[in-house]
Amino acid sequence: MEYTRRNLKRMLSKNIWEVTFRKIDGSKRTLRCTLVPNRMPRLKHPKKKIKIIKGVLPVFEVDLKAWRSFRIKSVKRVKVV
């Protein structure tokens, strides 16, 4: 399945998901992430509008409690947690 910014944002806005993707260096990475505000500490909520970079999606990584991003085209698997 090919993922789009729109469908990934829709999924991540409803729950925590495990997203597996290929990093630029070719290694595989899995993030447990979300875009649900009540699933992240209030201090970690975006203070201003997040800059949109074409082909890249910023997400909140729930285990590290930090913002991360990945290239949408590199997503291999998405699974609800």
N, C-alpha and C. Protein backbone atom coordinates (compact mmCIF):
# COMPACT_ATOMS: atom_id res chain seq x y z
N MET A 1 0.85 -1.19 0.00
CA MET A 1 0.00 0.00 0.00
C MET A 1 0.89 1.24 0.00
N GLU A 2 0.52 2.21 -0.79
CA GLU A 2 1.23 3.48 -0.79
C GLU A 2 0.47 4.46 0.11
N TYR A 3 1.19 5.07 1.02
CA TYR A 3 0.57 5.98 1.98
C TYR A 3 0.70 7.42 1.50
N THR A 4 -0.29 8.23 1.85
CA THR A 4 -0.27 9.65 1.53
C THR A 4 -0.25 10.45 2.83
N ARG A 5 0.15 11.70 2.74
CA ARG A 5 0.14 12.59 3.91
C ARG A 5 -1.26 12.61 4.51
N ARG A 6 -2.25 12.71 3.67
CA ARG A 6 -3.63 12.82 4.13
C ARG A 6 -4.08 11.59 4.93
N ASN A 7 -3.85 10.38 4.39
CA ASN A 7 -4.34 9.20 5.13
C ASN A 7 -3.49 8.90 6.35
N LEU A 8 -2.18 9.19 6.32
CA LEU A 8 -1.36 9.01 7.52
C LEU A 8 -1.78 9.98 8.62
N LYS A 9 -2.01 11.24 8.26
CA LYS A 9 -2.44 12.22 9.27
C LYS A 9 -3.79 11.83 9.86
N ARG A 10 -4.69 11.33 9.03
CA ARG A 10 -6.01 10.91 9.52
C ARG A 10 -5.87 9.77 10.52
N MET A 11 -5.04 8.77 10.21
CA MET A 11 -4.84 7.65 11.13
C MET A 11 -4.17 8.11 12.42
N LEU A 12 -3.10 8.88 12.30
CA LEU A 12 -2.34 9.32 13.47
C LEU A 12 -3.11 10.31 14.34
N SER A 13 -4.13 10.94 13.79
CA SER A 13 -4.95 11.88 14.55
C SER A 13 -5.99 11.19 15.42
N LYS A 14 -6.09 9.86 15.27
CA LYS A 14 -7.11 9.11 16.01
C LYS A 14 -6.54 8.15 17.05
N ASN A 15 -5.24 7.79 16.91
CA ASN A 15 -4.70 6.75 17.78
C ASN A 15 -3.18 6.76 17.75
N ILE A 16 -2.57 5.85 18.51
CA ILE A 16 -1.13 5.64 18.44
C ILE A 16 -0.88 4.52 17.43
N TRP A 17 0.07 4.76 16.54
CA TRP A 17 0.39 3.80 15.49
C TRP A 17 1.87 3.48 15.50
N GLU A 18 2.18 2.28 15.07
CA GLU A 18 3.56 1.87 14.88
C GLU A 18 3.86 2.03 13.40
N VAL A 19 4.78 2.94 13.09
CA VAL A 19 5.12 3.23 11.70
C VAL A 19 6.54 2.72 11.44
N THR A 20 6.68 1.85 10.45
CA THR A 20 7.99 1.32 10.06
C THR A 20 8.35 1.94 8.72
N PHE A 21 9.58 2.45 8.64
CA PHE A 21 10.03 3.12 7.42
C PHE A 21 11.53 2.92 7.24
N ARG A 22 12.03 3.27 6.06
CA ARG A 22 13.45 3.23 5.75
C ARG A 22 14.03 4.62 5.92
N LYS A 23 15.10 4.71 6.71
CA LYS A 23 15.78 5.98 6.90
C LYS A 23 16.63 6.28 5.65
N ILE A 24 17.11 7.50 5.55
CA ILE A 24 17.90 7.91 4.39
C ILE A 24 19.14 7.02 4.23
N ASP A 25 19.72 6.57 5.34
CA ASP A 25 20.92 5.73 5.27
C ASP A 25 20.60 4.26 4.92
N GLY A 26 19.31 3.95 4.72
CA GLY A 26 18.89 2.61 4.33
C GLY A 26 18.48 1.71 5.48
N SER A 27 18.74 2.13 6.71
CA SER A 27 18.35 1.30 7.86
C SER A 27 16.84 1.40 8.11
N LYS A 28 16.31 0.38 8.76
CA LYS A 28 14.88 0.32 9.06
C LYS A 28 14.64 0.92 10.44
N ARG A 29 13.55 1.68 10.59
CA ARG A 29 13.23 2.31 11.87
C ARG A 29 11.74 2.15 12.12
N THR A 30 11.38 1.92 13.38
CA THR A 30 9.97 1.84 13.77
C THR A 30 9.73 2.86 14.87
N LEU A 31 8.69 3.66 14.68
CA LEU A 31 8.29 4.66 15.67
C LEU A 31 6.90 4.31 16.18
N ARG A 32 6.69 4.47 17.48
CA ARG A 32 5.32 4.43 18.04
C ARG A 32 4.94 5.90 18.15
N CYS A 33 4.02 6.32 17.30
CA CYS A 33 3.78 7.76 17.20
C CYS A 33 2.30 8.09 17.06
N THR A 34 2.01 9.39 17.22
CA THR A 34 0.63 9.88 17.17
C THR A 34 0.62 11.36 16.83
N LEU A 35 -0.57 11.84 16.52
CA LEU A 35 -0.84 13.27 16.39
C LEU A 35 -2.01 13.67 17.29
N VAL A 36 -2.40 12.79 18.21
CA VAL A 36 -3.49 13.04 19.14
C VAL A 36 -2.96 13.91 20.29
N PRO A 37 -3.46 15.14 20.45
CA PRO A 37 -2.93 16.04 21.48
C PRO A 37 -2.97 15.48 22.90
N ASN A 38 -4.03 14.74 23.26
CA ASN A 38 -4.10 14.24 24.64
C ASN A 38 -3.21 13.02 24.88
N ARG A 39 -2.49 12.57 23.87
CA ARG A 39 -1.53 11.47 24.01
C ARG A 39 -0.10 11.99 24.16
N MET A 40 0.06 13.32 24.22
CA MET A 40 1.38 13.91 24.41
C MET A 40 1.34 14.91 25.54
N PRO A 41 2.45 15.08 26.26
CA PRO A 41 2.47 16.05 27.36
C PRO A 41 2.14 17.45 26.85
N ARG A 42 1.42 18.21 27.65
CA ARG A 42 1.02 19.56 27.24
C ARG A 42 2.22 20.41 26.82
N LEU A 43 3.34 20.26 27.51
CA LEU A 43 4.54 21.03 27.17
C LEU A 43 5.11 20.68 25.80
N LYS A 44 4.72 19.53 25.27
CA LYS A 44 5.21 19.09 23.97
C LYS A 44 4.27 19.45 22.82
N HIS A 45 3.11 20.06 23.14
CA HIS A 45 2.20 20.48 22.08
C HIS A 45 2.91 21.54 21.24
N PRO A 46 2.66 21.56 19.94
CA PRO A 46 3.31 22.58 19.11
C PRO A 46 2.93 23.98 19.59
N LYS A 47 3.91 24.84 19.71
CA LYS A 47 3.67 26.22 20.17
C LYS A 47 3.23 27.10 19.01
N LYS A 48 3.60 26.70 17.80
CA LYS A 48 3.19 27.42 16.60
C LYS A 48 2.94 26.39 15.52
N LYS A 49 2.43 26.86 14.42
CA LYS A 49 2.14 25.95 13.31
C LYS A 49 3.43 25.28 12.83
N ILE A 50 3.38 23.98 12.68
CA ILE A 50 4.55 23.21 12.25
C ILE A 50 4.77 23.45 10.76
N LYS A 51 6.01 23.75 10.42
CA LYS A 51 6.37 23.99 9.02
C LYS A 51 6.19 22.70 8.22
N ILE A 52 5.49 22.80 7.11
CA ILE A 52 5.25 21.64 6.27
C ILE A 52 6.38 21.52 5.26
N ILE A 53 7.04 20.38 5.27
CA ILE A 53 8.09 20.08 4.30
C ILE A 53 7.53 19.00 3.39
N LYS A 54 7.55 19.27 2.10
CA LYS A 54 6.96 18.35 1.13
C LYS A 54 7.54 16.94 1.29
N GLY A 55 6.66 15.97 1.44
CA GLY A 55 7.07 14.58 1.53
C GLY A 55 7.51 14.11 2.90
N VAL A 56 7.47 15.00 3.92
CA VAL A 56 7.92 14.66 5.27
C VAL A 56 6.77 14.89 6.24
N LEU A 57 6.56 13.97 7.17
CA LEU A 57 5.49 14.10 8.16
C LEU A 57 6.07 14.14 9.57
N PRO A 58 5.89 15.25 10.30
CA PRO A 58 6.31 15.29 11.70
C PRO A 58 5.26 14.59 12.57
N VAL A 59 5.74 13.80 13.54
CA VAL A 59 4.86 13.05 14.44
C VAL A 59 5.44 13.10 15.85
N PHE A 60 4.60 12.83 16.84
CA PHE A 60 5.07 12.76 18.21
C PHE A 60 5.37 11.31 18.56
N GLU A 61 6.63 11.02 18.91
CA GLU A 61 7.08 9.67 19.26
C GLU A 61 6.79 9.46 20.74
N VAL A 62 5.85 8.55 21.05
CA VAL A 62 5.35 8.43 22.42
C VAL A 62 6.35 7.81 23.39
N ASP A 63 7.26 6.96 22.93
CA ASP A 63 8.24 6.35 23.83
C ASP A 63 9.33 7.35 24.21
N LEU A 64 9.80 8.12 23.25
CA LEU A 64 10.85 9.11 23.51
C LEU A 64 10.29 10.44 24.00
N LYS A 65 8.97 10.61 23.86
CA LYS A 65 8.31 11.86 24.23
C LYS A 65 8.96 13.05 23.53
N ALA A 66 9.11 12.90 22.20
CA ALA A 66 9.75 13.93 21.39
C ALA A 66 9.20 13.89 19.97
N TRP A 67 9.32 15.01 19.28
CA TRP A 67 8.90 15.10 17.89
C TRP A 67 9.95 14.46 16.99
N ARG A 68 9.50 13.68 16.04
CA ARG A 68 10.34 13.06 15.01
C ARG A 68 9.63 13.23 13.68
N SER A 69 10.30 12.91 12.61
CA SER A 69 9.65 12.97 11.30
C SER A 69 10.20 11.86 10.41
N PHE A 70 9.44 11.55 9.37
CA PHE A 70 9.86 10.54 8.41
C PHE A 70 9.38 10.95 7.03
N ARG A 71 10.06 10.40 6.02
CA ARG A 71 9.65 10.65 4.63
C ARG A 71 8.47 9.73 4.32
N ILE A 72 7.41 10.30 3.85
CA ILE A 72 6.17 9.54 3.59
C ILE A 72 6.40 8.41 2.60
N LYS A 73 7.20 8.65 1.57
CA LYS A 73 7.47 7.63 0.55
C LYS A 73 8.21 6.42 1.12
N SER A 74 8.89 6.60 2.25
CA SER A 74 9.70 5.51 2.81
C SER A 74 8.91 4.60 3.75
N VAL A 75 7.64 4.89 4.00
CA VAL A 75 6.84 4.09 4.93
C VAL A 75 6.59 2.71 4.33
N LYS A 76 6.90 1.69 5.12
CA LYS A 76 6.71 0.29 4.69
C LYS A 76 5.51 -0.37 5.34
N ARG A 77 5.22 0.04 6.59
CA ARG A 77 4.13 -0.63 7.32
C ARG A 77 3.59 0.32 8.38
N VAL A 78 2.27 0.25 8.60
CA VAL A 78 1.62 1.03 9.64
C VAL A 78 0.67 0.07 10.37
N LYS A 79 0.80 0.05 11.71
CA LYS A 79 -0.01 -0.88 12.51
C LYS A 79 -0.49 -0.16 13.75
N VAL A 80 -1.77 -0.29 14.07
CA VAL A 80 -2.32 0.33 15.26
C VAL A 80 -1.77 -0.34 16.50
N VAL A 81 -1.49 0.46 17.53
CA VAL A 81 -0.93 -0.08 18.78
C VAL A 81 -2.06 -0.32 19.75
